[in-house]
Protein backbone atom coordinates (compact mmCIF):
# COMPACT_ATOMS: atom_id res chain seq x y z
CA MET A 1 -3.01 58.04 -112.29
CA THR A 2 -2.87 60.42 -109.34
CA THR A 3 -0.78 59.18 -106.46
CA VAL A 4 -0.03 60.45 -103.00
CA HIS A 5 3.42 60.66 -101.49
CA PRO A 6 2.68 59.20 -98.06
CA THR A 7 3.80 61.29 -95.14
CA PRO A 8 5.28 59.50 -92.12
CA LEU A 9 2.00 60.14 -90.27
CA LEU A 10 -0.07 58.59 -93.06
CA ARG A 11 2.20 55.53 -93.03
CA ARG A 12 1.83 55.19 -89.25
CA VAL A 13 -1.96 55.52 -89.43
CA LEU A 14 -2.19 52.90 -92.19
CA LEU A 15 0.11 50.57 -90.25
CA ALA A 16 -1.88 51.03 -87.03
CA ASP A 17 -5.09 50.33 -88.96
CA ALA A 18 -3.47 47.21 -90.46
CA VAL A 19 -2.33 45.91 -87.07
CA SER A 20 -5.67 46.55 -85.37
CA SER A 21 -7.60 45.07 -88.31
CA ALA A 22 -5.43 41.95 -88.29
CA ALA A 23 -5.73 41.56 -84.52
CA ALA A 24 -9.51 42.02 -84.58
CA GLY A 25 -9.80 39.72 -87.58
CA LEU A 26 -7.84 36.93 -85.90
CA LEU A 27 -9.75 37.39 -82.64
CA MET A 28 -13.14 37.25 -84.35
CA LEU A 29 -12.19 34.40 -86.69
CA PHE A 30 -10.61 32.10 -84.14
CA GLY A 31 -12.60 33.26 -81.13
CA ALA A 32 -16.03 33.34 -82.77
CA GLY A 33 -17.33 30.33 -80.86
CA THR A 34 -16.12 31.64 -77.52
CA LEU A 35 -17.21 35.25 -78.10
CA ALA A 36 -20.66 34.51 -79.57
CA GLY A 37 -22.38 33.73 -76.26
CA PRO A 38 -21.11 36.60 -74.12
CA LEU A 39 -21.55 39.12 -76.95
CA GLY A 40 -24.90 37.80 -78.14
CA LEU A 41 -23.60 37.88 -81.71
CA PRO A 42 -23.84 34.97 -84.14
CA SER A 43 -20.56 33.08 -84.43
CA ALA A 44 -20.94 33.07 -88.23
CA LEU A 45 -21.14 36.88 -88.21
CA LEU A 46 -18.03 37.15 -86.04
CA ALA A 47 -16.08 34.62 -88.12
CA GLY A 48 -17.19 36.24 -91.37
CA ALA A 49 -16.11 39.66 -90.13
CA GLY A 50 -12.79 38.15 -89.10
CA VAL A 51 -12.29 36.64 -92.54
CA ALA A 52 -13.10 39.98 -94.17
CA LEU A 53 -10.64 41.88 -91.99
CA LEU A 54 -7.58 39.79 -92.81
CA PRO A 55 -7.20 40.69 -96.52
CA PHE A 56 -8.10 44.29 -95.63
CA ALA A 57 -5.24 44.32 -93.11
CA ALA A 58 -2.89 42.88 -95.73
CA ALA A 59 -3.93 45.57 -98.23
CA LEU A 60 -3.31 48.28 -95.64
CA LEU A 61 0.13 46.89 -94.91
CA PHE A 62 0.90 46.78 -98.63
CA LEU A 63 -0.23 50.39 -99.14
CA ALA A 64 1.67 51.64 -96.10
CA THR A 65 4.94 50.33 -97.52
CA ARG A 66 4.64 51.84 -101.02
CA PRO A 67 6.72 54.88 -102.01
CA ALA A 68 3.62 56.34 -103.69
CA ILE A 69 0.02 55.29 -103.11
CA PRO A 70 -2.78 55.61 -105.65
CA ARG A 71 -5.12 58.29 -104.33
CA LEU A 72 -8.13 56.19 -105.30
CA ALA A 73 -6.85 53.31 -103.14
CA LEU A 74 -6.64 55.62 -100.13
CA TRP A 75 -10.17 56.90 -100.72
CA ALA A 76 -11.31 53.25 -100.94
CA VAL A 77 -9.72 52.56 -97.54
CA ILE A 78 -11.42 55.61 -96.03
CA ALA A 79 -14.80 54.67 -97.54
CA THR A 80 -14.46 51.05 -96.39
CA ASN A 81 -13.69 52.13 -92.83
CA ALA A 82 -16.55 54.63 -92.80
CA LEU A 83 -18.99 52.06 -94.17
CA TRP A 84 -17.82 49.46 -91.62
CA ALA A 85 -18.40 51.91 -88.77
CA VAL A 86 -21.87 52.92 -89.98
CA GLU A 87 -22.95 49.33 -90.65
CA SER A 88 -21.64 48.21 -87.26
CA VAL A 89 -23.85 50.71 -85.47
CA ALA A 90 -26.82 50.13 -87.80
CA LEU A 91 -26.83 46.32 -87.67
CA PRO A 92 -28.22 45.98 -84.13
CA LEU A 93 -30.89 48.56 -85.02
CA THR A 94 -32.23 46.29 -87.79
CA GLY A 95 -33.27 43.63 -85.30
CA TRP A 96 -31.34 40.94 -87.19
CA ILE A 97 -29.06 40.54 -84.18
CA ALA A 98 -29.66 41.11 -80.49
CA PRO A 99 -26.31 41.69 -78.81
CA THR A 100 -25.97 41.55 -75.06
CA GLY A 101 -24.86 44.66 -73.18
CA LEU A 102 -21.27 43.49 -73.60
CA GLY A 103 -21.97 42.85 -77.29
CA GLN A 104 -23.35 46.35 -77.72
CA LEU A 105 -20.25 47.77 -76.07
CA PHE A 106 -18.06 45.65 -78.37
CA VAL A 107 -19.92 46.77 -81.51
CA VAL A 108 -19.87 50.46 -80.57
CA ALA A 109 -16.24 50.39 -79.41
CA GLN A 110 -14.94 48.80 -82.60
CA ALA A 111 -17.12 51.15 -84.69
CA LEU A 112 -15.60 54.15 -82.91
CA VAL A 113 -12.05 52.85 -83.47
CA VAL A 114 -12.75 52.23 -87.16
CA ALA A 115 -14.36 55.67 -87.52
CA ALA A 116 -11.30 57.23 -85.88
CA PHE A 117 -9.05 55.48 -88.41
CA ALA A 118 -11.25 56.73 -91.26
CA GLU A 119 -11.01 60.28 -89.97
CA ALA A 120 -7.25 60.12 -89.39
CA GLU A 121 -6.69 58.66 -92.86
CA TYR A 122 -8.94 61.33 -94.39
CA LEU A 123 -7.00 64.13 -92.71
CA CYS A 124 -3.66 62.62 -93.73
CA VAL A 125 -4.72 62.12 -97.36
CA ARG A 126 -5.96 65.70 -97.59
CA ARG A 127 -2.57 66.96 -96.41
CA ALA A 128 -0.32 64.54 -98.30
CA PRO A 129 1.55 65.78 -101.38
CA VAL A 130 -0.18 64.72 -104.61
CA LEU A 131 1.96 63.40 -107.47
CA GLN A 132 0.68 63.47 -111.04
CA GLY A 133 1.77 60.68 -113.28
């Protein structure tokens, strides 16, 4: 299995992604009812996204604290973040949801943050030392 020796920057990026994912997950899970109206997003969608983010945040925290990280796991994190960002922007375009102006801002802002994490993780993984084993 090919592993990556995480650089301090890669660890910080993974930890920042974990913290922001956990915070967003808790906000969407426990604030779904309050946020649904102003954002024009279904509370079930918000709560479901919140539930999905919590184990993702835990996985990021786990990976960030390992002495060596499986390269495939890092590519899975990058792909998950990229897919989340693309789907976030695409969902309102499907017509399945009709967010308010504030909801559109929320969706685009979180998509941009997630895309930035994907890019930062990609750059870090490309530069991190690879260990064969």
